[in-house]
Amino acid sequence: MKKYTALLSILFFCFCTTKEQETEKLPIKKTKLSVAITHKTPVKIEASFIAHLDSWKEYKLVEEFAGKFHQTSPNEALSNALELKSLVQQLKDSLKPTIFNSPSFNARINVLYSEAERLADITFIPAIKTVEINEQVEKTLGAFSALNVKINTVLSQKKFEDAIGISPKFIGLDTTKMDRVSKKTVAAFDKKLKTKKPPRKRLK
């Protein structure tokens, strides 16, 4: 009888020890998911170009919501992932300002949507690791940063074209490397020059 009692005591002791070890591990795992990570800040739109985006409300919503991911924990990132995907979807389907209607610009938005979709998908993966969540947040913010770089590039090019007083062809610009919007601007400028009447010569 004493042997059985001793055996039961040993088993009970082992069971309690195992439970205590499992309980000790849980707070550690939860803490890792709750630790806020500072991610790289996306490139910002140049101050002089912000007015060009005021009417594009879908972009403004994504820009504002993306700020939640600059310093966030994996738990917070996952809780906001589905809403971010929805906002990027609206951005993708929105009516963009005419100057941004080009294949290269649409490609940047598509990449951003793919990364936001991937972040939303991993919310349904039970065994996802914190490092994988943080990496996907970085990729998503990186895609948004690339979109902002493209916006700055397009608007900088437009600003330059509006500022020059002669055709880009006359100052040696290679128009074959311009996007569709810029080529149309150059073509319109050249047409305007050709139709402009030359000044009359003064009679001596």
N, C-alpha and C. Protein backbone atom coordinates (compact mmCIF):
# COMPACT_ATOMS: atom_id res chain seq x y z
N MET A 1 0.82 -1.20 0.00
CA MET A 1 0.00 0.00 0.00
C MET A 1 0.86 1.26 0.00
N LYS A 2 1.93 1.19 0.79
CA LYS A 2 2.83 2.33 0.87
C LYS A 2 3.49 2.59 -0.49
N LYS A 3 3.77 1.48 -1.22
CA LYS A 3 4.41 1.63 -2.54
C LYS A 3 3.49 2.39 -3.49
N TYR A 4 2.17 2.01 -3.44
CA TYR A 4 1.21 2.68 -4.32
C TYR A 4 1.07 4.16 -3.96
N THR A 5 1.08 4.41 -2.64
CA THR A 5 0.96 5.81 -2.19
C THR A 5 2.16 6.62 -2.67
N ALA A 6 3.35 6.04 -2.55
CA ALA A 6 4.56 6.72 -2.98
C ALA A 6 4.55 6.97 -4.48
N LEU A 7 4.06 5.97 -5.23
CA LEU A 7 4.01 6.09 -6.68
C LEU A 7 3.04 7.20 -7.10
N LEU A 8 1.89 7.23 -6.44
CA LEU A 8 0.91 8.27 -6.74
C LEU A 8 1.44 9.66 -6.41
N SER A 9 2.20 9.74 -5.32
CA SER A 9 2.77 11.02 -4.92
C SER A 9 3.77 11.51 -5.96
N ILE A 10 4.58 10.57 -6.49
CA ILE A 10 5.57 10.93 -7.51
C ILE A 10 4.89 11.40 -8.78
N LEU A 11 3.84 10.66 -9.19
CA LEU A 11 3.11 11.04 -10.39
C LEU A 11 2.44 12.40 -10.23
N PHE A 12 1.85 12.62 -9.07
CA PHE A 12 1.21 13.90 -8.79
C PHE A 12 2.21 15.04 -8.83
N PHE A 13 3.39 14.79 -8.28
CA PHE A 13 4.45 15.80 -8.25
C PHE A 13 4.91 16.14 -9.67
N CYS A 14 5.08 15.10 -10.50
CA CYS A 14 5.51 15.31 -11.89
C CYS A 14 4.45 16.07 -12.68
N PHE A 15 3.19 15.73 -12.44
CA PHE A 15 2.10 16.40 -13.13
C PHE A 15 2.05 17.88 -12.78
N CYS A 16 2.19 18.19 -11.51
CA CYS A 16 2.16 19.59 -11.06
C CYS A 16 3.35 20.37 -11.61
N THR A 17 4.52 19.71 -11.63
CA THR A 17 5.72 20.37 -12.15
C THR A 17 5.56 20.72 -13.63
N THR A 18 5.00 19.77 -14.40
CA THR A 18 4.78 20.00 -15.83
C THR A 18 3.81 21.16 -16.05
N LYS A 19 2.75 21.20 -15.27
CA LYS A 19 1.76 22.28 -15.40
C LYS A 19 2.37 23.63 -15.07
N GLU A 20 3.22 23.65 -14.03
CA GLU A 20 3.87 24.91 -13.66
C GLU A 20 4.80 25.39 -14.77
N GLN A 21 5.50 24.45 -15.42
CA GLN A 21 6.40 24.83 -16.50
C GLN A 21 5.62 25.38 -17.69
N GLU A 22 4.47 24.74 -18.00
CA GLU A 22 3.65 25.22 -19.11
C GLU A 22 3.07 26.59 -18.80
N THR A 23 2.68 26.80 -17.54
CA THR A 23 2.13 28.09 -17.14
C THR A 23 3.19 29.18 -17.23
N GLU A 24 4.44 28.84 -16.91
CA GLU A 24 5.52 29.81 -16.99
C GLU A 24 5.82 30.21 -18.44
N LYS A 25 5.59 29.29 -19.38
CA LYS A 25 5.89 29.58 -20.79
C LYS A 25 4.85 30.50 -21.40
N LEU A 26 3.60 30.41 -20.99
CA LEU A 26 2.54 31.18 -21.59
C LEU A 26 2.75 32.69 -21.53
N PRO A 27 3.09 33.26 -20.37
CA PRO A 27 3.31 34.71 -20.32
C PRO A 27 4.44 35.16 -21.24
N ILE A 28 5.46 34.33 -21.41
CA ILE A 28 6.60 34.69 -22.27
C ILE A 28 6.13 34.82 -23.71
N LYS A 29 5.33 33.83 -24.17
CA LYS A 29 4.82 33.86 -25.53
C LYS A 29 3.91 35.06 -25.74
N LYS A 30 3.07 35.33 -24.79
CA LYS A 30 2.14 36.45 -24.89
C LYS A 30 2.90 37.77 -24.89
N THR A 31 3.96 37.86 -24.13
CA THR A 31 4.75 39.08 -24.04
C THR A 31 5.40 39.40 -25.38
N LYS A 32 5.91 38.38 -26.07
CA LYS A 32 6.55 38.59 -27.37
C LYS A 32 5.56 39.17 -28.38
N LEU A 33 4.34 38.70 -28.34
CA LEU A 33 3.33 39.20 -29.26
C LEU A 33 2.88 40.61 -28.92
N SER A 34 3.15 41.01 -27.68
CA SER A 34 2.70 42.33 -27.22
C SER A 34 3.79 43.39 -27.25
N VAL A 35 5.00 42.99 -27.58
CA VAL A 35 6.12 43.95 -27.60
C VAL A 35 6.04 44.80 -28.87
N ALA A 36 5.98 46.12 -28.70
CA ALA A 36 5.91 47.03 -29.84
C ALA A 36 7.26 47.13 -30.53
N ILE A 37 7.24 47.07 -31.85
CA ILE A 37 8.44 47.18 -32.67
C ILE A 37 8.36 48.46 -33.49
N THR A 38 9.46 49.20 -33.56
CA THR A 38 9.50 50.41 -34.39
C THR A 38 9.98 50.04 -35.79
N HIS A 39 9.12 50.24 -36.76
CA HIS A 39 9.44 49.90 -38.14
C HIS A 39 9.91 51.16 -38.88
N LYS A 40 10.55 50.93 -40.02
CA LYS A 40 11.06 52.04 -40.82
C LYS A 40 9.91 52.90 -41.34
N THR A 41 10.04 54.22 -41.16
CA THR A 41 8.99 55.13 -41.61
C THR A 41 8.97 55.24 -43.13
N PRO A 42 7.80 55.08 -43.75
CA PRO A 42 7.72 55.21 -45.22
C PRO A 42 8.13 56.60 -45.69
N VAL A 43 8.58 56.69 -46.92
CA VAL A 43 8.90 57.98 -47.53
C VAL A 43 7.65 58.85 -47.52
N LYS A 44 7.82 60.11 -47.20
CA LYS A 44 6.68 61.02 -47.14
C LYS A 44 6.51 61.78 -48.46
N ILE A 45 5.30 62.22 -48.71
CA ILE A 45 5.03 63.04 -49.88
C ILE A 45 5.62 64.43 -49.64
N GLU A 46 6.30 64.97 -50.64
CA GLU A 46 6.89 66.30 -50.49
C GLU A 46 5.80 67.33 -50.20
N ALA A 47 6.14 68.27 -49.32
CA ALA A 47 5.15 69.25 -48.86
C ALA A 47 4.47 69.99 -50.00
N SER A 48 5.22 70.31 -51.04
CA SER A 48 4.66 71.09 -52.15
C SER A 48 3.70 70.28 -53.01
N PHE A 49 3.67 68.95 -52.81
CA PHE A 49 2.81 68.10 -53.63
C PHE A 49 1.55 67.63 -52.91
N ILE A 50 1.46 67.90 -51.63
CA ILE A 50 0.34 67.39 -50.83
C ILE A 50 -1.00 67.84 -51.38
N ALA A 51 -1.06 69.08 -51.87
CA ALA A 51 -2.33 69.61 -52.40
C ALA A 51 -2.85 68.80 -53.58
N HIS A 52 -1.95 68.17 -54.33
CA HIS A 52 -2.37 67.36 -55.48
C HIS A 52 -3.13 66.11 -55.06
N LEU A 53 -3.02 65.74 -53.79
CA LEU A 53 -3.64 64.50 -53.30
C LEU A 53 -4.86 64.74 -52.42
N ASP A 54 -5.19 66.01 -52.21
CA ASP A 54 -6.30 66.33 -51.30
C ASP A 54 -7.63 65.71 -51.76
N SER A 55 -7.84 65.65 -53.06
CA SER A 55 -9.11 65.11 -53.57
C SER A 55 -9.12 63.58 -53.65
N TRP A 56 -7.97 62.96 -53.45
CA TRP A 56 -7.88 61.49 -53.53
C TRP A 56 -8.06 60.93 -52.13
N LYS A 57 -9.30 60.83 -51.69
CA LYS A 57 -9.60 60.47 -50.30
C LYS A 57 -9.16 59.05 -49.96
N GLU A 58 -9.21 58.14 -50.94
CA GLU A 58 -8.81 56.75 -50.68
C GLU A 58 -7.33 56.67 -50.32
N TYR A 59 -6.52 57.47 -51.00
CA TYR A 59 -5.09 57.50 -50.66
C TYR A 59 -4.89 58.08 -49.26
N LYS A 60 -5.60 59.14 -48.96
CA LYS A 60 -5.44 59.81 -47.65
C LYS A 60 -5.80 58.86 -46.51
N LEU A 61 -6.81 58.02 -46.72
CA LEU A 61 -7.21 57.06 -45.69
C LEU A 61 -6.13 56.01 -45.46
N VAL A 62 -5.54 55.53 -46.55
CA VAL A 62 -4.45 54.54 -46.42
C VAL A 62 -3.24 55.17 -45.74
N GLU A 63 -2.92 56.39 -46.13
CA GLU A 63 -1.77 57.08 -45.55
C GLU A 63 -1.94 57.25 -44.04
N GLU A 64 -3.14 57.66 -43.63
CA GLU A 64 -3.41 57.86 -42.20
C GLU A 64 -3.36 56.54 -41.44
N PHE A 65 -3.99 55.51 -42.00
CA PHE A 65 -4.06 54.23 -41.30
C PHE A 65 -2.70 53.54 -41.24
N ALA A 66 -1.86 53.75 -42.25
CA ALA A 66 -0.52 53.14 -42.27
C ALA A 66 0.32 53.62 -41.08
N GLY A 67 -0.03 54.79 -40.55
CA GLY A 67 0.69 55.32 -39.39
C GLY A 67 0.57 54.43 -38.17
N LYS A 68 -0.48 53.61 -38.12
CA LYS A 68 -0.67 52.70 -36.98
C LYS A 68 0.39 51.60 -36.95
N PHE A 69 1.05 51.36 -38.08
CA PHE A 69 2.01 50.27 -38.18
C PHE A 69 3.46 50.72 -37.97
N HIS A 70 3.67 52.01 -37.80
CA HIS A 70 5.04 52.51 -37.62
C HIS A 70 5.65 51.95 -36.34
N GLN A 71 4.90 52.01 -35.27
CA GLN A 71 5.35 51.44 -34.00
C GLN A 71 4.20 50.59 -33.46
N THR A 72 4.32 49.28 -33.62
CA THR A 72 3.21 48.41 -33.28
C THR A 72 3.72 47.04 -32.84
N SER A 73 2.92 46.36 -32.06
CA SER A 73 3.23 44.99 -31.65
C SER A 73 2.64 44.04 -32.68
N PRO A 74 3.12 42.80 -32.72
CA PRO A 74 2.53 41.81 -33.63
C PRO A 74 1.02 41.65 -33.43
N ASN A 75 0.58 41.67 -32.16
CA ASN A 75 -0.85 41.55 -31.89
C ASN A 75 -1.64 42.71 -32.50
N GLU A 76 -1.13 43.92 -32.32
CA GLU A 76 -1.80 45.10 -32.86
C GLU A 76 -1.79 45.08 -34.39
N ALA A 77 -0.66 44.66 -34.95
CA ALA A 77 -0.55 44.59 -36.42
C ALA A 77 -1.59 43.65 -37.00
N LEU A 78 -1.76 42.50 -36.37
CA LEU A 78 -2.73 41.53 -36.87
C LEU A 78 -4.17 42.03 -36.68
N SER A 79 -4.42 42.73 -35.60
CA SER A 79 -5.77 43.23 -35.35
C SER A 79 -6.16 44.33 -36.34
N ASN A 80 -5.16 45.01 -36.92
CA ASN A 80 -5.42 46.09 -37.88
C ASN A 80 -5.26 45.65 -39.34
N ALA A 81 -4.80 44.41 -39.54
CA ALA A 81 -4.44 43.95 -40.88
C ALA A 81 -5.64 43.88 -41.82
N LEU A 82 -6.77 43.39 -41.35
CA LEU A 82 -7.94 43.24 -42.22
C LEU A 82 -8.47 44.60 -42.67
N GLU A 83 -8.44 45.57 -41.78
CA GLU A 83 -8.92 46.91 -42.15
C GLU A 83 -7.96 47.57 -43.15
N LEU A 84 -6.67 47.35 -42.96
CA LEU A 84 -5.69 47.89 -43.90
C LEU A 84 -5.92 47.31 -45.29
N LYS A 85 -6.13 46.01 -45.37
CA LYS A 85 -6.38 45.36 -46.66
C LYS A 85 -7.61 45.98 -47.33
N SER A 86 -8.66 46.21 -46.55
CA SER A 86 -9.88 46.79 -47.09
C SER A 86 -9.63 48.20 -47.65
N LEU A 87 -8.85 49.00 -46.93
CA LEU A 87 -8.55 50.36 -47.37
C LEU A 87 -7.70 50.37 -48.64
N VAL A 88 -6.74 49.44 -48.71
CA VAL A 88 -5.89 49.36 -49.90
C VAL A 88 -6.70 48.87 -51.09
N GLN A 89 -7.66 48.00 -50.84
CA GLN A 89 -8.56 47.54 -51.92
C GLN A 89 -9.35 48.72 -52.48
N GLN A 90 -9.84 49.58 -51.59
CA GLN A 90 -10.56 50.77 -52.03
C GLN A 90 -9.65 51.71 -52.82
N LEU A 91 -8.40 51.81 -52.38
CA LEU A 91 -7.43 52.63 -53.09
C LEU A 91 -7.19 52.09 -54.50
N LYS A 92 -7.06 50.78 -54.59
CA LYS A 92 -6.82 50.11 -55.87
C LYS A 92 -7.98 50.34 -56.85
N ASP A 93 -9.22 50.33 -56.32
CA ASP A 93 -10.40 50.47 -57.15
C ASP A 93 -10.83 51.93 -57.36
N SER A 94 -10.16 52.85 -56.72
CA SER A 94 -10.58 54.24 -56.75
C SER A 94 -10.28 54.93 -58.08
N LEU A 95 -10.90 56.08 -58.26
CA LEU A 95 -10.64 56.91 -59.43
C LEU A 95 -9.45 57.82 -59.09
N LYS A 96 -8.31 57.51 -59.66
CA LYS A 96 -7.09 58.25 -59.35
C LYS A 96 -7.05 59.58 -60.10
N PRO A 97 -6.28 60.55 -59.60
CA PRO A 97 -6.02 61.75 -60.39
C PRO A 97 -5.42 61.36 -61.73
N THR A 98 -5.78 62.06 -62.78
CA THR A 98 -5.39 61.69 -64.15
C THR A 98 -3.89 61.50 -64.30
N ILE A 99 -3.12 62.30 -63.63
CA ILE A 99 -1.67 62.25 -63.80
C ILE A 99 -1.07 60.91 -63.35
N PHE A 100 -1.80 60.17 -62.53
CA PHE A 100 -1.30 58.88 -62.03
C PHE A 100 -1.81 57.69 -62.83
N ASN A 101 -2.49 57.95 -63.94
CA ASN A 101 -3.00 56.85 -64.76
C ASN A 101 -1.91 56.32 -65.69
N SER A 102 -1.11 55.43 -65.17
CA SER A 102 -0.05 54.80 -65.97
C SER A 102 0.17 53.38 -65.45
N PRO A 103 0.63 52.47 -66.31
CA PRO A 103 0.88 51.09 -65.89
C PRO A 103 1.88 50.99 -64.75
N SER A 104 2.94 51.79 -64.79
CA SER A 104 3.96 51.73 -63.75
C SER A 104 3.41 52.16 -62.40
N PHE A 105 2.50 53.13 -62.42
CA PHE A 105 1.90 53.58 -61.16
C PHE A 105 0.95 52.53 -60.62
N ASN A 106 0.15 51.95 -61.50
CA ASN A 106 -0.78 50.90 -61.08
C ASN A 106 -0.04 49.69 -60.52
N ALA A 107 1.15 49.43 -61.05
CA ALA A 107 1.95 48.31 -60.56
C ALA A 107 2.35 48.52 -59.10
N ARG A 108 2.66 49.75 -58.75
CA ARG A 108 3.02 50.04 -57.34
C ARG A 108 1.84 49.78 -56.41
N ILE A 109 0.65 50.15 -56.85
CA ILE A 109 -0.55 49.92 -56.03
C ILE A 109 -0.83 48.43 -55.91
N ASN A 110 -0.62 47.69 -56.98
CA ASN A 110 -0.85 46.24 -56.95
C ASN A 110 0.10 45.54 -55.99
N VAL A 111 1.35 45.99 -55.95
CA VAL A 111 2.32 45.42 -55.02
C VAL A 111 1.89 45.71 -53.58
N LEU A 112 1.45 46.93 -53.33
CA LEU A 112 0.99 47.30 -51.99
C LEU A 112 -0.20 46.42 -51.58
N TYR A 113 -1.11 46.20 -52.51
CA TYR A 113 -2.27 45.36 -52.19
C TYR A 113 -1.85 43.92 -51.88
N SER A 114 -0.91 43.41 -52.65
CA SER A 114 -0.43 42.03 -52.42
C SER A 114 0.18 41.87 -51.04
N GLU A 115 0.95 42.86 -50.61
CA GLU A 115 1.58 42.79 -49.29
C GLU A 115 0.55 42.95 -48.18
N ALA A 116 -0.41 43.84 -48.37
CA ALA A 116 -1.46 44.04 -47.37
C ALA A 116 -2.34 42.78 -47.27
N GLU A 117 -2.57 42.15 -48.40
CA GLU A 117 -3.36 40.92 -48.42
C GLU A 117 -2.63 39.80 -47.68
N ARG A 118 -1.32 39.71 -47.88
CA ARG A 118 -0.52 38.69 -47.20
C ARG A 118 -0.56 38.92 -45.68
N LEU A 119 -0.47 40.18 -45.26
CA LEU A 119 -0.53 40.49 -43.83
C LEU A 119 -1.88 40.08 -43.25
N ALA A 120 -2.94 40.31 -44.01
CA ALA A 120 -4.28 39.92 -43.55
C ALA A 120 -4.42 38.40 -43.50
N ASP A 121 -3.82 37.71 -44.44
CA ASP A 121 -3.92 36.25 -44.50
C ASP A 121 -3.28 35.57 -43.29
N ILE A 122 -2.16 36.13 -42.83
CA ILE A 122 -1.47 35.46 -41.73
C ILE A 122 -2.19 35.61 -40.39
N THR A 123 -3.23 36.43 -40.36
CA THR A 123 -4.03 36.51 -39.13
C THR A 123 -4.77 35.19 -38.89
N PHE A 124 -4.91 34.37 -39.93
CA PHE A 124 -5.63 33.10 -39.80
C PHE A 124 -4.67 31.92 -39.61
N ILE A 125 -3.38 32.20 -39.46
CA ILE A 125 -2.41 31.13 -39.25
C ILE A 125 -2.12 31.03 -37.75
N PRO A 126 -2.57 29.98 -37.08
CA PRO A 126 -2.43 29.87 -35.62
C PRO A 126 -0.98 29.86 -35.14
N ALA A 127 -0.10 29.19 -35.88
CA ALA A 127 1.27 29.00 -35.42
C ALA A 127 2.24 30.03 -36.00
N ILE A 128 1.72 31.16 -36.45
CA ILE A 128 2.60 32.17 -37.05
C ILE A 128 3.57 32.72 -36.01
N LYS A 129 4.81 32.95 -36.42
CA LYS A 129 5.83 33.44 -35.50
C LYS A 129 5.86 34.96 -35.49
N THR A 130 6.27 35.52 -34.36
CA THR A 130 6.31 36.98 -34.24
C THR A 130 7.26 37.59 -35.27
N VAL A 131 8.37 36.91 -35.54
CA VAL A 131 9.33 37.45 -36.51
C VAL A 131 8.72 37.50 -37.90
N GLU A 132 7.86 36.56 -38.24
CA GLU A 132 7.20 36.55 -39.55
C GLU A 132 6.19 37.68 -39.65
N ILE A 133 5.51 37.96 -38.56
CA ILE A 133 4.54 39.07 -38.55
C ILE A 133 5.27 40.39 -38.74
N ASN A 134 6.36 40.57 -38.00
CA ASN A 134 7.13 41.81 -38.10
C ASN A 134 7.72 42.00 -39.49
N GLU A 135 8.18 40.92 -40.09
CA GLU A 135 8.75 40.99 -41.44
C GLU A 135 7.68 41.40 -42.46
N GLN A 136 6.48 40.88 -42.29
CA GLN A 136 5.41 41.23 -43.24
C GLN A 136 4.96 42.67 -43.07
N VAL A 137 4.98 43.16 -41.85
CA VAL A 137 4.67 44.58 -41.62
C VAL A 137 5.70 45.44 -42.34
N GLU A 138 6.97 45.05 -42.26
CA GLU A 138 8.05 45.78 -42.94
C GLU A 138 7.81 45.79 -44.46
N LYS A 139 7.45 44.65 -45.01
CA LYS A 139 7.22 44.55 -46.45
C LYS A 139 6.05 45.43 -46.88
N THR A 140 5.00 45.45 -46.06
CA THR A 140 3.82 46.25 -46.39
C THR A 140 4.14 47.74 -46.36
N LEU A 141 4.85 48.16 -45.32
CA LEU A 141 5.26 49.57 -45.22
C LEU A 141 6.24 49.92 -46.35
N GLY A 142 7.08 48.97 -46.72
CA GLY A 142 8.01 49.20 -47.81
C GLY A 142 7.29 49.41 -49.13
N ALA A 143 6.22 48.66 -49.36
CA ALA A 143 5.42 48.82 -50.58
C ALA A 143 4.72 50.17 -50.60
N PHE A 144 4.25 50.62 -49.43
CA PHE A 144 3.61 51.93 -49.35
C PHE A 144 4.65 53.03 -49.59
N SER A 145 5.84 52.83 -49.08
CA SER A 145 6.92 53.79 -49.30
C SER A 145 7.26 53.89 -50.78
N ALA A 146 7.29 52.76 -51.47
CA ALA A 146 7.58 52.74 -52.91
C ALA A 146 6.50 53.50 -53.69
N LEU A 147 5.25 53.38 -53.25
CA LEU A 147 4.16 54.13 -53.89
C LEU A 147 4.38 55.62 -53.72
N ASN A 148 4.77 56.05 -52.52
CA ASN A 148 5.02 57.47 -52.26
C ASN A 148 6.19 58.00 -53.09
N VAL A 149 7.21 57.16 -53.26
CA VAL A 149 8.35 57.56 -54.10
C VAL A 149 7.87 57.81 -55.53
N LYS A 150 7.00 56.94 -56.02
CA LYS A 150 6.46 57.10 -57.37
C LYS A 150 5.64 58.37 -57.49
N ILE A 151 4.83 58.66 -56.47
CA ILE A 151 4.03 59.89 -56.47
C ILE A 151 4.94 61.11 -56.54
N ASN A 152 5.97 61.14 -55.72
CA ASN A 152 6.91 62.25 -55.74
C ASN A 152 7.60 62.40 -57.09
N THR A 153 7.94 61.26 -57.70
CA THR A 153 8.63 61.28 -59.00
C THR A 153 7.72 61.85 -60.09
N VAL A 154 6.48 61.37 -60.14
CA VAL A 154 5.54 61.84 -61.15
C VAL A 154 5.27 63.33 -61.01
N LEU A 155 5.04 63.79 -59.79
CA LEU A 155 4.73 65.20 -59.58
C LEU A 155 5.96 66.09 -59.77
N SER A 156 7.15 65.57 -59.46
CA SER A 156 8.38 66.34 -59.71
C SER A 156 8.58 66.52 -61.21
N GLN A 157 8.31 65.49 -61.96
CA GLN A 157 8.46 65.55 -63.41
C GLN A 157 7.47 66.56 -64.01
N LYS A 158 6.24 66.53 -63.51
CA LYS A 158 5.23 67.47 -63.99
C LYS A 158 5.64 68.91 -63.66
N LYS A 159 6.15 69.10 -62.46
CA LYS A 159 6.58 70.44 -62.04
C LYS A 159 7.68 70.95 -62.95
N PHE A 160 8.60 70.07 -63.32
CA PHE A 160 9.69 70.46 -64.21
C PHE A 160 9.17 70.80 -65.59
N GLU A 161 8.27 69.97 -66.12
CA GLU A 161 7.73 70.21 -67.45
C GLU A 161 6.93 71.50 -67.51
N ASP A 162 6.22 71.80 -66.42
CA ASP A 162 5.44 73.04 -66.38
C ASP A 162 6.34 74.28 -66.29
N ALA A 163 7.53 74.08 -65.73
CA ALA A 163 8.41 75.22 -65.48
C ALA A 163 9.24 75.63 -66.70
N ILE A 164 9.56 74.65 -67.57
CA ILE A 164 10.42 74.98 -68.71
C ILE A 164 9.64 75.76 -69.75
N GLY A 165 10.33 76.64 -70.46
CA GLY A 165 9.66 77.50 -71.43
C GLY A 165 9.84 77.07 -72.86
N ILE A 166 10.57 75.96 -73.10
CA ILE A 166 10.77 75.44 -74.44
C ILE A 166 10.51 73.95 -74.44
N SER A 167 10.38 73.38 -75.63
CA SER A 167 10.12 71.95 -75.73
C SER A 167 11.25 71.15 -75.14
N PRO A 168 10.96 70.06 -74.40
CA PRO A 168 12.01 69.21 -73.84
C PRO A 168 12.95 68.68 -74.91
N LYS A 169 12.46 68.52 -76.16
CA LYS A 169 13.31 68.02 -77.23
C LYS A 169 14.44 68.99 -77.54
N PHE A 170 14.18 70.28 -77.31
CA PHE A 170 15.18 71.29 -77.64
C PHE A 170 16.30 71.37 -76.62
N ILE A 171 16.09 70.76 -75.45
CA ILE A 171 17.15 70.81 -74.43
C ILE A 171 17.74 69.43 -74.18
N GLY A 172 17.50 68.53 -75.12
CA GLY A 172 18.16 67.24 -75.08
C GLY A 172 17.55 66.18 -74.20
N LEU A 173 16.26 66.33 -73.79
CA LEU A 173 15.63 65.31 -72.96
C LEU A 173 15.27 64.10 -73.82
N ASP A 174 15.51 62.92 -73.30
CA ASP A 174 15.17 61.69 -73.99
C ASP A 174 13.72 61.33 -73.68
N THR A 175 12.81 61.71 -74.56
CA THR A 175 11.38 61.49 -74.29
C THR A 175 10.98 60.03 -74.37
N THR A 176 11.84 59.17 -74.89
CA THR A 176 11.52 57.75 -74.96
C THR A 176 11.51 57.10 -73.58
N LYS A 177 12.14 57.76 -72.62
CA LYS A 177 12.21 57.21 -71.27
C LYS A 177 11.13 57.78 -70.35
N MET A 178 10.27 58.63 -70.91
CA MET A 178 9.21 59.22 -70.11
C MET A 178 8.00 58.29 -70.08
N ASP A 179 7.16 58.43 -69.04
CA ASP A 179 5.95 57.62 -69.00
C ASP A 179 4.89 58.23 -69.91
N ARG A 180 3.75 57.56 -70.01
CA ARG A 180 2.71 57.95 -70.95
C ARG A 180 2.19 59.36 -70.70
N VAL A 181 2.02 59.72 -69.43
CA VAL A 181 1.49 61.05 -69.10
C VAL A 181 2.46 62.13 -69.54
N SER A 182 3.76 61.91 -69.29
CA SER A 182 4.76 62.90 -69.63
C SER A 182 4.88 63.06 -71.15
N LYS A 183 4.78 61.94 -71.87
CA LYS A 183 4.86 62.00 -73.34
C LYS A 183 3.71 62.82 -73.91
N LYS A 184 2.53 62.66 -73.34
CA LYS A 184 1.38 63.43 -73.80
C LYS A 184 1.59 64.92 -73.55
N THR A 185 2.22 65.23 -72.41
CA THR A 185 2.49 66.63 -72.09
C THR A 185 3.47 67.22 -73.09
N VAL A 186 4.51 66.46 -73.41
CA VAL A 186 5.51 66.93 -74.38
C VAL A 186 4.89 67.10 -75.75
N ALA A 187 4.07 66.14 -76.17
CA ALA A 187 3.44 66.20 -77.49
C ALA A 187 2.53 67.42 -77.60
N ALA A 188 1.78 67.69 -76.53
CA ALA A 188 0.89 68.85 -76.53
C ALA A 188 1.68 70.15 -76.61
N PHE A 189 2.82 70.17 -75.93
CA PHE A 189 3.67 71.36 -75.93
C PHE A 189 4.25 71.61 -77.32
N ASP A 190 4.70 70.53 -77.98
CA ASP A 190 5.25 70.65 -79.33
C ASP A 190 4.20 71.11 -80.32
N LYS A 191 2.99 70.59 -80.19
CA LYS A 191 1.90 70.98 -81.08
C LYS A 191 1.59 72.45 -80.93
N LYS A 192 1.65 72.91 -79.69
CA LYS A 192 1.38 74.32 -79.42
C LYS A 192 2.43 75.21 -80.07
N LEU A 193 3.68 74.76 -80.04
CA LEU A 193 4.76 75.53 -80.64
C LEU A 193 4.61 75.60 -82.17
N LYS A 194 4.20 74.48 -82.77
CA LYS A 194 4.08 74.42 -84.23
C LYS A 194 2.96 75.30 -84.75
N THR A 195 1.87 75.40 -83.97
CA THR A 195 0.71 76.18 -84.41
C THR A 195 0.84 77.66 -84.08
N LYS A 196 1.85 77.96 -83.28
CA LYS A 196 2.04 79.36 -82.89
C LYS A 196 2.59 80.14 -84.07
N LYS A 197 1.95 81.24 -84.40
CA LYS A 197 2.38 82.05 -85.54
C LYS A 197 3.67 82.78 -85.23
N PRO A 198 4.61 82.82 -86.19
CA PRO A 198 5.86 83.54 -85.95
C PRO A 198 5.60 85.03 -85.90
N PRO A 199 6.38 85.76 -85.14
CA PRO A 199 6.18 87.20 -85.05
C PRO A 199 6.42 87.91 -86.37
N ARG A 200 5.63 88.92 -86.68
CA ARG A 200 5.79 89.64 -87.92
C ARG A 200 7.06 90.50 -87.88
N LYS A 201 7.71 90.54 -89.06
CA LYS A 201 8.90 91.37 -89.15
C LYS A 201 8.52 92.83 -89.31
N ARG A 202 9.22 93.65 -88.62
CA ARG A 202 8.96 95.08 -88.73
C ARG A 202 9.49 95.62 -90.05
N LEU A 203 8.71 96.48 -90.64
CA LEU A 203 9.15 97.11 -91.89
C LEU A 203 10.18 98.17 -91.60
N LYS A 204 11.23 98.17 -92.38
CA LYS A 204 12.27 99.18 -92.19
C LYS A 204 11.86 100.49 -92.83
